[in-house]
C-alpha atoms as a PDB file:
ATOM      1  CA  ARG A   1     -46.996 -12.462   0.405  1.00  0.00           C
ATOM      2  CA  SER A   2     -45.925 -15.228   2.672  1.00  0.00           C
ATOM      3  CA  PRO A   3     -48.163 -16.406   5.544  1.00  0.00           C
ATOM      4  CA  SER A   4     -45.530 -15.394   8.122  1.00  0.00           C
ATOM      5  CA  CYS A   5     -45.551 -11.833   6.779  1.00  0.00           C
ATOM      6  CA  LEU A   6     -49.329 -11.692   7.066  1.00  0.00           C
ATOM      7  CA  ARG A   7     -49.140 -13.140  10.572  1.00  0.00           C
ATOM      8  CA  ARG A   8     -46.650 -10.421  11.624  1.00  0.00           C
ATOM      9  CA  ARG A   9     -48.848  -7.716  10.160  1.00  0.00           C
ATOM     10  CA  SER A  10     -51.927  -9.013  11.990  1.00  0.00           C
ATOM     11  CA  LEU A  11     -49.983  -9.151  15.271  1.00  0.00           C
ATOM     12  CA  ARG A  12     -48.921  -5.549  14.882  1.00  0.00           C
ATOM     13  CA  SER A  13     -52.425  -4.231  14.485  1.00  0.00           C
ATOM     14  CA  SER A  14     -54.252  -6.560  16.875  1.00  0.00           C
ATOM     15  CA  PRO A  15     -55.914  -5.066  19.963  1.00  0.00           C
ATOM     16  CA  ALA A  16     -54.093  -7.556  22.214  1.00  0.00           C
ATOM     17  CA  THR A  17     -50.653  -6.212  21.296  1.00  0.00           C
ATOM     18  CA  ALA A  18     -51.875  -2.611  21.547  1.00  0.00           C
ATOM     19  CA  GLY A  19     -52.915  -3.244  25.148  1.00  0.00           C
ATOM     20  CA  LYS A  20     -49.594  -4.933  25.876  1.00  0.00           C
ATOM     21  CA  MET A  21     -47.676  -1.887  24.615  1.00  0.00           C
ATOM     22  CA  ALA A  22     -49.824   0.390  26.748  1.00  0.00           C
ATOM     23  CA  THR A  23     -49.113  -1.632  29.895  1.00  0.00           C
ATOM     24  CA  VAL A  24     -45.375  -1.838  29.223  1.00  0.00           C
ATOM     25  CA  GLY A  25     -45.016   1.926  29.196  1.00  0.00           C
ATOM     26  CA  ALA A  26     -46.576   5.004  27.742  1.00  0.00           C
ATOM     27  CA  THR A  27     -43.644   5.583  25.415  1.00  0.00           C
ATOM     28  CA  ASP A  28     -43.924   7.081  21.963  1.00  0.00           C
ATOM     29  CA  GLN A  29     -43.995   3.987  19.737  1.00  0.00           C
ATOM     30  CA  THR A  30     -43.503   5.542  16.305  1.00  0.00           C
ATOM     31  CA  LYS A  31     -40.510   3.487  15.107  1.00  0.00           C
ATOM     32  CA  ASN A  32     -40.480  -0.012  13.610  1.00  0.00           C
ATOM     33  CA  ALA A  33     -38.545  -1.474  16.552  1.00  0.00           C
ATOM     34  CA  PHE A  34     -40.083  -1.496  20.024  1.00  0.00           C
ATOM     35  CA  GLN A  35     -38.717   1.503  21.927  1.00  0.00           C
ATOM     36  CA  LYS A  36     -37.627   0.862  25.517  1.00  0.00           C
ATOM     37  CA  GLN A  37     -34.913   1.980  27.879  1.00  0.00           C
ATOM     38  CA  ASP A  38     -32.107  -0.569  28.174  1.00  0.00           C
ATOM     39  CA  THR A  39     -31.794  -0.177  31.945  1.00  0.00           C
ATOM     40  CA  ILE A  40     -35.484  -0.807  32.719  1.00  0.00           C
ATOM     41  CA  PHE A  41     -36.905  -4.328  32.651  1.00  0.00           C
ATOM     42  CA  CYS A  42     -40.374  -4.211  31.124  1.00  0.00           C
ATOM     43  CA  GLY A  43     -41.068  -7.942  30.717  1.00  0.00           C
ATOM     44  CA  ALA A  44     -42.547  -8.574  34.158  1.00  0.00           C
ATOM     45  CA  LYS A  45     -44.720 -11.635  34.554  1.00  0.00           C
ATOM     46  CA  ARG A  46     -48.463 -11.516  35.185  1.00  0.00           C
ATOM     47  CA  VAL A  47     -49.426  -9.608  38.330  1.00  0.00           C
ATOM     48  CA  LEU A  48     -52.374 -10.831  40.407  1.00  0.00           C
ATOM     49  CA  GLN A  49     -53.364  -7.414  41.722  1.00  0.00           C
ATOM     50  CA  LYS A  50     -52.457  -4.106  40.164  1.00  0.00           C
ATOM     51  CA  LYS A  51     -51.141  -1.487  42.537  1.00  0.00           C
ATOM     52  CA  VAL A  52     -53.123   1.731  42.368  1.00  0.00           C
ATOM     53  CA  GLY A  53     -51.106   4.849  41.555  1.00  0.00           C
ATOM     54  CA  LYS A  54     -47.941   2.946  40.642  1.00  0.00           C
ATOM     55  CA  LYS A  55     -45.737   5.180  38.514  1.00  0.00           C
ATOM     56  CA  GLU A  56     -43.929   3.713  35.503  1.00  0.00           C
ATOM     57  CA  SER A  57     -40.209   3.307  36.189  1.00  0.00           C
ATOM     58  CA  ARG A  58     -37.903   5.523  34.152  1.00  0.00           C
ATOM     59  CA  TYR A  59     -34.101   5.762  34.074  1.00  0.00           C
ATOM     60  CA  VAL A  60     -32.862   9.327  34.554  1.00  0.00           C
ATOM     61  CA  LYS A  61     -29.396  10.552  35.525  1.00  0.00           C
ATOM     62  CA  SER A  62     -27.576  13.831  36.101  1.00  0.00           C
ATOM     63  CA  VAL A  63     -24.823  14.805  33.679  1.00  0.00           C
ATOM     64  CA  GLY A  64     -23.011  16.724  36.425  1.00  0.00           C
ATOM     65  CA  LEU A  65     -21.046  19.920  35.691  1.00  0.00           C
ATOM     66  CA  GLY A  66     -23.685  21.958  37.570  1.00  0.00           C
ATOM     67  CA  ILE A  67     -26.354  21.349  34.907  1.00  0.00           C
ATOM     68  CA  LYS A  68     -29.856  20.507  36.061  1.00  0.00           C
ATOM     69  CA  THR A  69     -31.783  17.614  34.520  1.00  0.00           C
ATOM     70  CA  PRO A  70     -34.733  19.019  32.512  1.00  0.00           C
ATOM     71  CA  LYS A  71     -38.227  18.367  33.850  1.00  0.00           C
ATOM     72  CA  GLU A  72     -39.251  16.894  30.481  1.00  0.00           C
ATOM     73  CA  ALA A  73     -36.483  14.263  30.814  1.00  0.00           C
ATOM     74  CA  VAL A  74     -37.803  13.171  34.214  1.00  0.00           C
ATOM     75  CA  ASP A  75     -41.538  13.293  33.454  1.00  0.00           C
ATOM     76  CA  GLY A  76     -41.433  12.574  29.701  1.00  0.00           C
ATOM     77  CA  THR A  77     -42.193   9.322  27.932  1.00  0.00           C
ATOM     78  CA  TYR A  78     -39.658   9.520  25.093  1.00  0.00           C
ATOM     79  CA  VAL A  79     -36.945   6.888  24.570  1.00  0.00           C
ATOM     80  CA  ASP A  80     -33.593   8.121  23.275  1.00  0.00           C
ATOM     81  CA  LYS A  81     -30.452   6.045  23.816  1.00  0.00           C
ATOM     82  CA  LYS A  82     -28.254   9.015  22.817  1.00  0.00           C
ATOM     83  CA  CYS A  83     -29.813  11.417  25.359  1.00  0.00           C
ATOM     84  CA  PRO A  84     -27.327  12.504  28.066  1.00  0.00           C
ATOM     85  CA  PHE A  85     -30.095  12.421  30.721  1.00  0.00           C
ATOM     86  CA  THR A  86     -31.919   9.155  29.898  1.00  0.00           C
ATOM     87  CA  GLY A  87     -29.511   7.252  27.631  1.00  0.00           C
ATOM     88  CA  ASN A  88     -26.065   5.685  27.538  1.00  0.00           C
ATOM     89  CA  VAL A  89     -23.988   8.803  26.817  1.00  0.00           C
ATOM     90  CA  THR A  90     -21.575  10.611  29.124  1.00  0.00           C
ATOM     91  CA  ILE A  91     -20.519  14.232  28.717  1.00  0.00           C
ATOM     92  CA  ARG A  92     -16.745  14.714  28.893  1.00  0.00           C
ATOM     93  CA  GLY A  93     -14.287  17.058  27.260  1.00  0.00           C
ATOM     94  CA  ARG A  94     -15.282  20.435  25.862  1.00  0.00           C
ATOM     95  CA  LEU A  95     -18.349  22.565  26.585  1.00  0.00           C
ATOM     96  CA  LEU A  96     -19.225  24.917  23.722  1.00  0.00           C
ATOM     97  CA  THR A  97     -21.938  27.514  23.119  1.00  0.00           C
ATOM     98  CA  GLY A  98     -23.519  28.383  19.819  1.00  0.00           C
ATOM     99  CA  VAL A  99     -26.649  29.511  18.024  1.00  0.00           C
ATOM    100  CA  VAL A 100     -29.015  26.953  16.493  1.00  0.00           C
ATOM    101  CA  LYS A 101     -28.901  27.268  12.710  1.00  0.00           C
ATOM    102  CA  THR A 102     -31.191  24.422  11.546  1.00  0.00           C
ATOM    103  CA  THR A 103     -33.406  21.814  13.180  1.00  0.00           C
ATOM    104  CA  LYS A 104     -34.382  19.966   9.990  1.00  0.00           C
ATOM    105  CA  MET A 105     -32.822  16.618  10.878  1.00  0.00           C
ATOM    106  CA  ASP A 106     -34.386  14.074  13.219  1.00  0.00           C
ATOM    107  CA  ARG A 107     -32.931  14.692  16.717  1.00  0.00           C
ATOM    108  CA  THR A 108     -29.892  16.474  15.264  1.00  0.00           C
ATOM    109  CA  ILE A 109     -29.304  20.214  15.004  1.00  0.00           C
ATOM    110  CA  ILE A 110     -26.658  22.384  13.370  1.00  0.00           C
ATOM    111  CA  ILE A 111     -25.011  24.997  15.594  1.00  0.00           C
ATOM    112  CA  ARG A 112     -23.228  28.100  14.298  1.00  0.00           C
ATOM    113  CA  ARG A 113     -20.230  29.321  16.310  1.00  0.00           C
ATOM    114  CA  ASP A 114     -19.040  32.865  15.507  1.00  0.00           C
ATOM    115  CA  TYR A 115     -15.553  34.135  16.272  1.00  0.00           C
ATOM    116  CA  LEU A 116     -13.103  36.869  15.277  1.00  0.00           C
ATOM    117  CA  HIS A 117      -9.865  36.148  13.414  1.00  0.00           C
ATOM    118  CA  PHE A 118      -7.013  38.658  13.712  1.00  0.00           C
ATOM    119  CA  ILE A 119      -5.125  39.676  10.544  1.00  0.00           C
ATOM    120  CA  ARG A 120      -1.668  40.959  11.469  1.00  0.00           C
ATOM    121  CA  LYS A 121      -0.995  42.838   8.258  1.00  0.00           C
ATOM    122  CA  TYR A 122      -3.939  45.198   8.746  1.00  0.00           C
ATOM    123  CA  HIS A 123      -4.161  45.008  12.588  1.00  0.00           C
ATOM    124  CA  ARG A 124      -7.837  44.229  12.293  1.00  0.00           C
ATOM    125  CA  TYR A 125     -10.260  41.410  12.904  1.00  0.00           C
ATOM    126  CA  GLU A 126     -12.529  39.613  10.478  1.00  0.00           C
ATOM    127  CA  LYS A 127     -15.690  37.680  11.280  1.00  0.00           C
ATOM    128  CA  ARG A 128     -15.613  33.924  10.780  1.00  0.00           C
ATOM    129  CA  HIS A 129     -17.872  31.047  11.730  1.00  0.00           C
ATOM    130  CA  LYS A 130     -17.937  27.271  12.020  1.00  0.00           C
ATOM    131  CA  THR A 131     -20.910  24.922  11.981  1.00  0.00           C
ATOM    132  CA  LEU A 132     -21.187  22.006  14.376  1.00  0.00           C
ATOM    133  CA  PRO A 133     -23.725  19.167  14.293  1.00  0.00           C
ATOM    134  CA  ALA A 134     -25.053  18.127  17.703  1.00  0.00           C
ATOM    135  CA  HIS A 135     -27.580  15.591  18.969  1.00  0.00           C
ATOM    136  CA  CYS A 136     -30.704  17.187  20.450  1.00  0.00           C
ATOM    137  CA  SER A 137     -32.713  15.131  22.927  1.00  0.00           C
ATOM    138  CA  PRO A 138     -36.534  15.279  22.661  1.00  0.00           C
ATOM    139  CA  CYS A 139     -36.627  16.948  26.100  1.00  0.00           C
ATOM    140  CA  PHE A 140     -35.541  20.199  24.404  1.00  0.00           C
ATOM    141  CA  ARG A 141     -37.847  22.158  22.068  1.00  0.00           C
ATOM    142  CA  LEU A 142     -35.442  24.174  19.924  1.00  0.00           C
ATOM    143  CA  ASN A 143     -35.967  26.688  17.145  1.00  0.00           C
ATOM    144  CA  PRO A 144     -33.436  28.426  14.880  1.00  0.00           C
ATOM    145  CA  GLY A 145     -31.850  31.317  16.747  1.00  0.00           C
ATOM    146  CA  ASP A 146     -31.822  29.688  20.202  1.00  0.00           C
ATOM    147  CA  GLN A 147     -28.517  29.839  22.058  1.00  0.00           C
ATOM    148  CA  VAL A 148     -27.495  26.440  23.462  1.00  0.00           C
ATOM    149  CA  LEU A 149     -24.721  24.825  25.473  1.00  0.00           C
ATOM    150  CA  VAL A 150     -23.366  21.577  24.016  1.00  0.00           C
ATOM    151  CA  GLY A 151     -21.045  19.068  25.636  1.00  0.00           C
ATOM    152  CA  GLN A 152     -18.593  16.720  23.990  1.00  0.00           C
ATOM    153  CA  CYS A 153     -19.351  13.009  24.104  1.00  0.00           C
ATOM    154  CA  ARG A 154     -18.364   9.820  22.303  1.00  0.00           C
ATOM    155  CA  PRO A 155     -19.011   9.723  18.527  1.00  0.00           C
ATOM    156  CA  LEU A 156     -22.758   9.272  18.016  1.00  0.00           C
ATOM    157  CA  SER A 157     -22.595   9.086  14.212  1.00  0.00           C
ATOM    158  CA  LYS A 158     -20.209   9.921  11.377  1.00  0.00           C
ATOM    159  CA  THR A 159     -20.210  13.658  12.147  1.00  0.00           C
ATOM    160  CA  VAL A 160     -21.974  14.109  15.520  1.00  0.00           C
ATOM    161  CA  ARG A 161     -19.718  14.326  18.598  1.00  0.00           C
ATOM    162  CA  PHE A 162     -21.655  16.799  20.736  1.00  0.00           C
ATOM    163  CA  ASN A 163     -24.907  16.691  22.700  1.00  0.00           C
ATOM    164  CA  VAL A 164     -27.207  19.568  23.728  1.00  0.00           C
ATOM    165  CA  ILE A 165     -27.270  19.832  27.519  1.00  0.00           C
ATOM    166  CA  LYS A 166     -28.788  23.266  28.154  1.00  0.00           C
ATOM    167  CA  VAL A 167     -30.784  26.008  26.424  1.00  0.00           C
ATOM    168  CA  ILE A 168     -29.234  29.346  27.375  1.00  0.00           C
ATOM    169  CA  THR A 169     -31.622  31.773  25.664  1.00  0.00           C
ATOM    170  CA  LYS A 170     -34.608  31.389  23.381  1.00  0.00           C
ATOM    171  CA  ALA A 171     -34.659  32.993  19.936  1.00  0.00           C
ATOM    172  CA  GLY A 172     -35.436  36.660  19.667  1.00  0.00           C
ATOM    173  CA  GLY A 173     -35.451  36.930  15.900  1.00  0.00           C
ATOM    174  CA  ASN A 174     -31.859  37.602  14.818  1.00  0.00           C
ATOM    175  CA  LYS A 175     -29.957  34.527  13.628  1.00  0.00           C
ATOM    176  CA  GLY A 176     -26.771  36.323  12.565  1.00  0.00           C
ATOM    177  CA  PHE A 177     -23.814  37.663  14.532  1.00  0.00           C
ATOM    178  CA  SER A 178     -25.499  38.395  17.828  1.00  0.00           C
ATOM    179  CA  LYS A 179     -22.260  38.792  19.828  1.00  0.00           C
ATOM    180  CA  PHE A 180     -20.942  41.786  17.906  1.00  0.00           C
END
C-alpha cells in the first residue's frame, strides 16, 4: 500500500478526527463520505468560549399541502438530501396512497396500489394492482402493510419519482386487498 493510503486510514481512525466529527454535528456517520446538510455551514472557525446549551443548527422545511413535518425530521440527526422535509426535494404533482409491500432496499420502499378494472362484456370488475417505488426518509419507520401517502417529485433515480410524506395507518396484519 502507498504511504498516502496509510495516512488516510490513520486519519480516519484517529481520536482527533473523531472529536471533530462529534463537534460538527451528531449526525449518523455510517457512509464513506462525510454526511452534512448542504444548507448548513459546519466549518466554523475556532470559538474562544463555547455557549452552554447551544442547539445544533438543522435545516427543516414544510412541504405544504396541509401535511405536518414529522417530529423525527425536526429533532433527528439523520442526513438525507432526498428527504422532502430536510433535503433538496419539492413535492409537486400527484398525491397517491398505497400499501407498503417491501422495505428491503436502503431508503426506498415498494408500494402496492389496488384498483378495480371494469370489463364491459361481462359487466363486472376484476381486481388489478400496480407497484410503485418511492423514497422513504429515515424519519419514517415503515413496515410491510402500512398505508402511506406519497407525493410526486423530481426523478430521484432511474425508477423512483415519489416520496413518502405521511403514514396514514400502521399495519394490522393483512397485506392484501384491504379496500375490498
